[in-house]
Amino acid sequence: MRWDYPDPDPDLASYIVVVRSTAAPDWKREIIWAGNVREITMKNTPIDQLIFGVKSVDSGGHESPVSAYGLPAR
């Protein structure tokens, strides 16, 4: 997964990847702390029935809303 954050907050501590089933209304599955990076590779992860999202967290622990991850246009 890759994402953009063109004007990151100087207090940015990490990005968090969240996962949920396509049938679930809320982000209930695992949480992956990605670090202060703009790309993550998740090996051996089935993607057919999952939706991924990314959110940021600052050094005080304040989290942004989740942005659902969409595939880039081909």
PDB file of N, CA and C in Angstrom:
ATOM      1  N   MET A   1       0.840  -1.162   0.000  1.00  0.00           N
ATOM      2  CA  MET A   1       0.000   0.000   0.000  1.00  0.00           C
ATOM      3  C   MET A   1       0.893   1.236   0.000  1.00  0.00           C
ATOM      4  N   ARG A   2       0.442   2.255  -0.703  1.00  0.00           N
ATOM      5  CA  ARG A   2       1.125   3.544  -0.709  1.00  0.00           C
ATOM      6  C   ARG A   2       0.085   4.630  -0.498  1.00  0.00           C
ATOM      7  N   TRP A   3       0.492   5.689   0.182  1.00  0.00           N
ATOM      8  CA  TRP A   3      -0.412   6.806   0.385  1.00  0.00           C
ATOM      9  C   TRP A   3       0.375   8.097   0.376  1.00  0.00           C
ATOM     10  N   ASP A   4      -0.328   9.195   0.127  1.00  0.00           N
ATOM     11  CA  ASP A   4       0.259  10.532   0.102  1.00  0.00           C
ATOM     12  C   ASP A   4      -0.191  11.312   1.324  1.00  0.00           C
ATOM     13  N   TYR A   5       0.662  12.149   1.784  1.00  0.00           N
ATOM     14  CA  TYR A   5       0.336  13.147   2.794  1.00  0.00           C
ATOM     15  C   TYR A   5       1.201  14.338   2.434  1.00  0.00           C
ATOM     16  N   PRO A   6       0.724  15.164   1.490  1.00  0.00           N
ATOM     17  CA  PRO A   6       1.574  16.195   0.901  1.00  0.00           C
ATOM     18  C   PRO A   6       2.064  17.258   1.885  1.00  0.00           C
ATOM     19  N   ASP A   7       1.323  17.517   2.943  1.00  0.00           N
ATOM     20  CA  ASP A   7       1.720  18.551   3.902  1.00  0.00           C
ATOM     21  C   ASP A   7       1.620  17.973   5.320  1.00  0.00           C
ATOM     22  N   PRO A   8       2.525  17.050   5.680  1.00  0.00           N
ATOM     23  CA  PRO A   8       2.403  16.374   6.974  1.00  0.00           C
ATOM     24  C   PRO A   8       2.617  17.318   8.150  1.00  0.00           C
ATOM     25  N   ASP A   9       1.902  17.049   9.204  1.00  0.00           N
ATOM     26  CA  ASP A   9       2.046  17.796  10.450  1.00  0.00           C
ATOM     27  C   ASP A   9       3.429  17.518  11.025  1.00  0.00           C
ATOM     28  N   PRO A  10       4.135  18.510  11.527  1.00  0.00           N
ATOM     29  CA  PRO A  10       5.470  18.269  12.083  1.00  0.00           C
ATOM     30  C   PRO A  10       5.439  17.347  13.307  1.00  0.00           C
ATOM     31  N   ASP A  11       4.274  17.180  13.914  1.00  0.00           N
ATOM     32  CA  ASP A  11       4.127  16.332  15.098  1.00  0.00           C
ATOM     33  C   ASP A  11       3.741  14.895  14.734  1.00  0.00           C
ATOM     34  N   LEU A  12       3.724  14.568  13.442  1.00  0.00           N
ATOM     35  CA  LEU A  12       3.332  13.232  12.996  1.00  0.00           C
ATOM     36  C   LEU A  12       4.250  12.170  13.591  1.00  0.00           C
ATOM     37  N   ALA A  13       3.652  11.160  14.216  1.00  0.00           N
ATOM     38  CA  ALA A  13       4.443  10.088  14.829  1.00  0.00           C
ATOM     39  C   ALA A  13       4.392   8.811  14.007  1.00  0.00           C
ATOM     40  N   SER A  14       3.223   8.484  13.450  1.00  0.00           N
ATOM     41  CA  SER A  14       3.084   7.208  12.758  1.00  0.00           C
ATOM     42  C   SER A  14       1.829   7.207  11.905  1.00  0.00           C
ATOM     43  N   TYR A  15       1.797   6.276  10.990  1.00  0.00           N
ATOM     44  CA  TYR A  15       0.576   5.948  10.267  1.00  0.00           C
ATOM     45  C   TYR A  15       0.103   4.598  10.787  1.00  0.00           C
ATOM     46  N   ILE A  16      -1.194   4.410  10.788  1.00  0.00           N
ATOM     47  CA  ILE A  16      -1.787   3.154  11.235  1.00  0.00           C
ATOM     48  C   ILE A  16      -2.639   2.620  10.093  1.00  0.00           C
ATOM     49  N   VAL A  17      -2.452   1.357   9.757  1.00  0.00           N
ATOM     50  CA  VAL A  17      -3.277   0.688   8.751  1.00  0.00           C
ATOM     51  C   VAL A  17      -4.319  -0.132   9.508  1.00  0.00           C
ATOM     52  N   VAL A  18      -5.575   0.049   9.144  1.00  0.00           N
ATOM     53  CA  VAL A  18      -6.664  -0.710   9.769  1.00  0.00           C
ATOM     54  C   VAL A  18      -7.329  -1.572   8.713  1.00  0.00           C
ATOM     55  N   VAL A  19      -7.935  -2.651   9.164  1.00  0.00           N
ATOM     56  CA  VAL A  19      -8.511  -3.637   8.252  1.00  0.00           C
ATOM     57  C   VAL A  19      -9.901  -4.014   8.750  1.00  0.00           C
ATOM     58  N   ARG A  20     -10.812  -4.222   7.811  1.00  0.00           N
ATOM     59  CA  ARG A  20     -12.137  -4.729   8.171  1.00  0.00           C
ATOM     60  C   ARG A  20     -12.668  -5.599   7.044  1.00  0.00           C
ATOM     61  N   SER A  21     -13.617  -6.413   7.374  1.00  0.00           N
ATOM     62  CA  SER A  21     -14.299  -7.228   6.373  1.00  0.00           C
ATOM     63  C   SER A  21     -15.144  -6.317   5.486  1.00  0.00           C
ATOM     64  N   THR A  22     -15.374  -6.729   4.259  1.00  0.00           N
ATOM     65  CA  THR A  22     -16.219  -5.938   3.363  1.00  0.00           C
ATOM     66  C   THR A  22     -17.652  -5.863   3.874  1.00  0.00           C
ATOM     67  N   ALA A  23     -18.051  -6.804   4.718  1.00  0.00           N
ATOM     68  CA  ALA A  23     -19.413  -6.824   5.258  1.00  0.00           C
ATOM     69  C   ALA A  23     -19.538  -6.075   6.581  1.00  0.00           C
ATOM     70  N   ALA A  24     -18.427  -5.673   7.180  1.00  0.00           N
ATOM     71  CA  ALA A  24     -18.456  -5.016   8.492  1.00  0.00           C
ATOM     72  C   ALA A  24     -18.607  -3.503   8.337  1.00  0.00           C
ATOM     73  N   PRO A  25     -19.427  -2.869   9.175  1.00  0.00           N
ATOM     74  CA  PRO A  25     -19.601  -1.426   9.082  1.00  0.00           C
ATOM     75  C   PRO A  25     -18.494  -0.626   9.774  1.00  0.00           C
ATOM     76  N   ASP A  26     -17.739  -1.262  10.665  1.00  0.00           N
ATOM     77  CA  ASP A  26     -16.717  -0.563  11.443  1.00  0.00           C
ATOM     78  C   ASP A  26     -15.361  -1.223  11.259  1.00  0.00           C
ATOM     79  N   TRP A  27     -14.322  -0.459  11.566  1.00  0.00           N
ATOM     80  CA  TRP A  27     -12.953  -0.973  11.524  1.00  0.00           C
ATOM     81  C   TRP A  27     -12.736  -1.816  12.771  1.00  0.00           C
ATOM     82  N   LYS A  28     -12.866  -3.145  12.653  1.00  0.00           N
ATOM     83  CA  LYS A  28     -12.799  -4.015  13.812  1.00  0.00           C
ATOM     84  C   LYS A  28     -11.602  -4.951  13.802  1.00  0.00           C
ATOM     85  N   ARG A  29     -10.945  -5.065  12.715  1.00  0.00           N
ATOM     86  CA  ARG A  29      -9.879  -6.047  12.591  1.00  0.00           C
ATOM     87  C   ARG A  29      -8.556  -5.502  13.083  1.00  0.00           C
ATOM     88  N   GLU A  30      -7.515  -6.163  12.717  1.00  0.00           N
ATOM     89  CA  GLU A  30      -6.177  -5.829  13.200  1.00  0.00           C
ATOM     90  C   GLU A  30      -5.760  -4.398  12.881  1.00  0.00           C
ATOM     91  N   ILE A  31      -4.869  -3.908  13.692  1.00  0.00           N
ATOM     92  CA  ILE A  31      -4.282  -2.586  13.504  1.00  0.00           C
ATOM     93  C   ILE A  31      -2.783  -2.783  13.293  1.00  0.00           C
ATOM     94  N   ILE A  32      -2.250  -2.152  12.268  1.00  0.00           N
ATOM     95  CA  ILE A  32      -0.835  -2.304  11.936  1.00  0.00           C
ATOM     96  C   ILE A  32      -0.170  -0.942  12.056  1.00  0.00           C
ATOM     97  N   TRP A  33       0.757  -0.809  13.004  1.00  0.00           N
ATOM     98  CA  TRP A  33       1.518   0.434  13.136  1.00  0.00           C
ATOM     99  C   TRP A  33       2.586   0.431  12.057  1.00  0.00           C
ATOM    100  N   ALA A  34       2.460   1.332  11.100  1.00  0.00           N
ATOM    101  CA  ALA A  34       3.370   1.359   9.951  1.00  0.00           C
ATOM    102  C   ALA A  34       4.610   2.207  10.213  1.00  0.00           C
ATOM    103  N   GLY A  35       4.552   3.123  11.150  1.00  0.00           N
ATOM    104  CA  GLY A  35       5.658   4.047  11.369  1.00  0.00           C
ATOM    105  C   GLY A  35       5.464   5.298  10.528  1.00  0.00           C
ATOM    106  N   ASN A  36       6.434   6.151  10.518  1.00  0.00           N
ATOM    107  CA  ASN A  36       6.362   7.390   9.756  1.00  0.00           C
ATOM    108  C   ASN A  36       6.872   7.135   8.339  1.00  0.00           C
ATOM    109  N   VAL A  37       6.119   6.344   7.607  1.00  0.00           N
ATOM    110  CA  VAL A  37       6.453   5.960   6.239  1.00  0.00           C
ATOM    111  C   VAL A  37       5.242   6.223   5.342  1.00  0.00           C
ATOM    112  N   ARG A  38       5.421   6.136   4.056  1.00  0.00           N
ATOM    113  CA  ARG A  38       4.317   6.351   3.112  1.00  0.00           C
ATOM    114  C   ARG A  38       4.009   5.090   2.304  1.00  0.00           C
ATOM    115  N   GLU A  39       4.549   3.951   2.755  1.00  0.00           N
ATOM    116  CA  GLU A  39       4.356   2.698   2.022  1.00  0.00           C
ATOM    117  C   GLU A  39       4.538   1.535   2.984  1.00  0.00           C
ATOM    118  N   ILE A  40       3.740   0.487   2.794  1.00  0.00           N
ATOM    119  CA  ILE A  40       3.865  -0.715   3.612  1.00  0.00           C
ATOM    120  C   ILE A  40       3.515  -1.916   2.741  1.00  0.00           C
ATOM    121  N   THR A  41       4.220  -3.006   2.958  1.00  0.00           N
ATOM    122  CA  THR A  41       3.931  -4.265   2.266  1.00  0.00           C
ATOM    123  C   THR A  41       3.426  -5.262   3.292  1.00  0.00           C
ATOM    124  N   MET A  42       2.267  -5.819   3.029  1.00  0.00           N
ATOM    125  CA  MET A  42       1.680  -6.811   3.930  1.00  0.00           C
ATOM    126  C   MET A  42       1.688  -8.154   3.216  1.00  0.00           C
ATOM    127  N   LYS A  43       2.625  -9.001   3.590  1.00  0.00           N
ATOM    128  CA  LYS A  43       2.761 -10.304   2.947  1.00  0.00           C
ATOM    129  C   LYS A  43       1.709 -11.267   3.466  1.00  0.00           C
ATOM    130  N   ASN A  44       1.305 -12.186   2.608  1.00  0.00           N
ATOM    131  CA  ASN A  44       0.351 -13.232   2.956  1.00  0.00           C
ATOM    132  C   ASN A  44      -0.942 -12.677   3.536  1.00  0.00           C
ATOM    133  N   THR A  45      -1.433 -11.599   2.947  1.00  0.00           N
ATOM    134  CA  THR A  45      -2.684 -10.986   3.390  1.00  0.00           C
ATOM    135  C   THR A  45      -3.732 -11.156   2.300  1.00  0.00           C
ATOM    136  N   PRO A  46      -4.797 -11.908   2.575  1.00  0.00           N
ATOM    137  CA  PRO A  46      -5.850 -12.066   1.572  1.00  0.00           C
ATOM    138  C   PRO A  46      -6.608 -10.747   1.410  1.00  0.00           C
ATOM    139  N   ILE A  47      -6.810 -10.323   0.178  1.00  0.00           N
ATOM    140  CA  ILE A  47      -7.425  -9.013  -0.049  1.00  0.00           C
ATOM    141  C   ILE A  47      -8.835  -9.094  -0.638  1.00  0.00           C
ATOM    142  N   ASP A  48      -9.323 -10.283  -0.925  1.00  0.00           N
ATOM    143  CA  ASP A  48     -10.603 -10.406  -1.607  1.00  0.00           C
ATOM    144  C   ASP A  48     -11.787  -9.910  -0.794  1.00  0.00           C
ATOM    145  N   GLN A  49     -11.789 -10.114   0.501  1.00  0.00           N
ATOM    146  CA  GLN A  49     -12.948  -9.733   1.311  1.00  0.00           C
ATOM    147  C   GLN A  49     -12.569  -8.764   2.420  1.00  0.00           C
ATOM    148  N   LEU A  50     -11.545  -7.955   2.168  1.00  0.00           N
ATOM    149  CA  LEU A  50     -11.093  -6.994   3.167  1.00  0.00           C
ATOM    150  C   LEU A  50     -11.060  -5.588   2.581  1.00  0.00           C
ATOM    151  N   ILE A  51     -11.258  -4.616   3.446  1.00  0.00           N
ATOM    152  CA  ILE A  51     -11.095  -3.208   3.096  1.00  0.00           C
ATOM    153  C   ILE A  51     -10.021  -2.656   4.018  1.00  0.00           C
ATOM    154  N   PHE A  52      -9.120  -1.883   3.461  1.00  0.00           N
ATOM    155  CA  PHE A  52      -8.018  -1.313   4.217  1.00  0.00           C
ATOM    156  C   PHE A  52      -8.213   0.188   4.360  1.00  0.00           C
ATOM    157  N   GLY A  53      -7.700   0.729   5.432  1.00  0.00           N
ATOM    158  CA  GLY A  53      -7.746   2.164   5.658  1.00  0.00           C
ATOM    159  C   GLY A  53      -6.446   2.616   6.294  1.00  0.00           C
ATOM    160  N   VAL A  54      -6.179   3.916   6.205  1.00  0.00           N
ATOM    161  CA  VAL A  54      -4.968   4.493   6.788  1.00  0.00           C
ATOM    162  C   VAL A  54      -5.382   5.705   7.612  1.00  0.00           C
ATOM    163  N   LYS A  55      -4.763   5.851   8.787  1.00  0.00           N
ATOM    164  CA  LYS A  55      -4.950   7.054   9.591  1.00  0.00           C
ATOM    165  C   LYS A  55      -3.601   7.451  10.169  1.00  0.00           C
ATOM    166  N   SER A  56      -3.504   8.687  10.594  1.00  0.00           N
ATOM    167  CA  SER A  56      -2.249   9.172  11.181  1.00  0.00           C
ATOM    168  C   SER A  56      -2.447   9.375  12.674  1.00  0.00           C
ATOM    169  N   VAL A  57      -1.336   9.362  13.387  1.00  0.00           N
ATOM    170  CA  VAL A  57      -1.357   9.615  14.830  1.00  0.00           C
ATOM    171  C   VAL A  57      -0.178  10.523  15.157  1.00  0.00           C
ATOM    172  N   ASP A  58      -0.431  11.503  16.045  1.00  0.00           N
ATOM    173  CA  ASP A  58       0.656  12.408  16.421  1.00  0.00           C
ATOM    174  C   ASP A  58       1.345  11.910  17.686  1.00  0.00           C
ATOM    175  N   SER A  59       2.369  12.617  18.116  1.00  0.00           N
ATOM    176  CA  SER A  59       3.154  12.162  19.269  1.00  0.00           C
ATOM    177  C   SER A  59       2.347  12.170  20.565  1.00  0.00           C
ATOM    178  N   GLY A  60       1.219  12.878  20.599  1.00  0.00           N
ATOM    179  CA  GLY A  60       0.355  12.882  21.769  1.00  0.00           C
ATOM    180  C   GLY A  60      -0.687  11.776  21.756  1.00  0.00           C
ATOM    181  N   GLY A  61      -0.700  10.973  20.685  1.00  0.00           N
ATOM    182  CA  GLY A  61      -1.655   9.876  20.583  1.00  0.00           C
ATOM    183  C   GLY A  61      -2.970  10.246  19.936  1.00  0.00           C
ATOM    184  N   HIS A  62      -3.103  11.449  19.402  1.00  0.00           N
ATOM    185  CA  HIS A  62      -4.329  11.878  18.736  1.00  0.00           C
ATOM    186  C   HIS A  62      -4.371  11.273  17.335  1.00  0.00           C
ATOM    187  N   GLU A  63      -5.474  10.604  17.015  1.00  0.00           N
ATOM    188  CA  GLU A  63      -5.604   9.912  15.731  1.00  0.00           C
ATOM    189  C   GLU A  63      -6.530  10.672  14.789  1.00  0.00           C
ATOM    190  N   SER A  64      -6.190  10.645  13.514  1.00  0.00           N
ATOM    191  CA  SER A  64      -7.053  11.223  12.491  1.00  0.00           C
ATOM    192  C   SER A  64      -8.172  10.235  12.166  1.00  0.00           C
ATOM    193  N   PRO A  65      -9.211  10.687  11.462  1.00  0.00           N
ATOM    194  CA  PRO A  65     -10.195   9.738  10.951  1.00  0.00           C
ATOM    195  C   PRO A  65      -9.531   8.804   9.932  1.00  0.00           C
ATOM    196  N   VAL A  66     -10.104   7.642   9.748  1.00  0.00           N
ATOM    197  CA  VAL A  66      -9.581   6.670   8.783  1.00  0.00           C
ATOM    198  C   VAL A  66      -9.945   7.107   7.369  1.00  0.00           C
ATOM    199  N   SER A  67      -8.985   7.005   6.482  1.00  0.00           N
ATOM    200  CA  SER A  67      -9.225   7.221   5.064  1.00  0.00           C
ATOM    201  C   SER A  67      -9.188   5.853   4.398  1.00  0.00           C
ATOM    202  N   ALA A  68     -10.320   5.436   3.829  1.00  0.00           N
ATOM    203  CA  ALA A  68     -10.364   4.127   3.173  1.00  0.00           C
ATOM    204  C   ALA A  68      -9.381   4.123   2.018  1.00  0.00           C
ATOM    205  N   TYR A  69      -8.662   3.027   1.892  1.00  0.00           N
ATOM    206  CA  TYR A  69      -7.628   2.908   0.869  1.00  0.00           C
ATOM    207  C   TYR A  69      -8.240   2.406  -0.426  1.00  0.00           C
ATOM    208  N   GLY A  70      -8.006   3.115  -1.512  1.00  0.00           N
ATOM    209  CA  GLY A  70      -8.494   2.693  -2.818  1.00  0.00           C
ATOM    210  C   GLY A  70      -7.334   2.418  -3.751  1.00  0.00           C
ATOM    211  N   LEU A  71      -7.546   1.502  -4.660  1.00  0.00           N
ATOM    212  CA  LEU A  71      -6.494   1.192  -5.623  1.00  0.00           C
ATOM    213  C   LEU A  71      -6.343   2.341  -6.607  1.00  0.00           C
ATOM    214  N   PRO A  72      -5.121   2.655  -7.001  1.00  0.00           N
ATOM    215  CA  PRO A  72      -4.912   3.721  -7.981  1.00  0.00           C
ATOM    216  C   PRO A  72      -5.454   3.326  -9.353  1.00  0.00           C
ATOM    217  N   ALA A  73      -5.836   4.308 -10.137  1.00  0.00           N
ATOM    218  CA  ALA A  73      -6.321   4.044 -11.490  1.00  0.00           C
ATOM    219  C   ALA A  73      -5.201   3.443 -12.324  1.00  0.00           C
ATOM    220  N   ARG A  74      -5.569   2.528 -13.181  1.00  0.00           N
ATOM    221  CA  ARG A  74      -4.564   1.895 -14.051  1.00  0.00           C
ATOM    222  C   ARG A  74      -4.602   2.456 -15.427  1.00  0.00           C
TER     223      ARG A  74
END
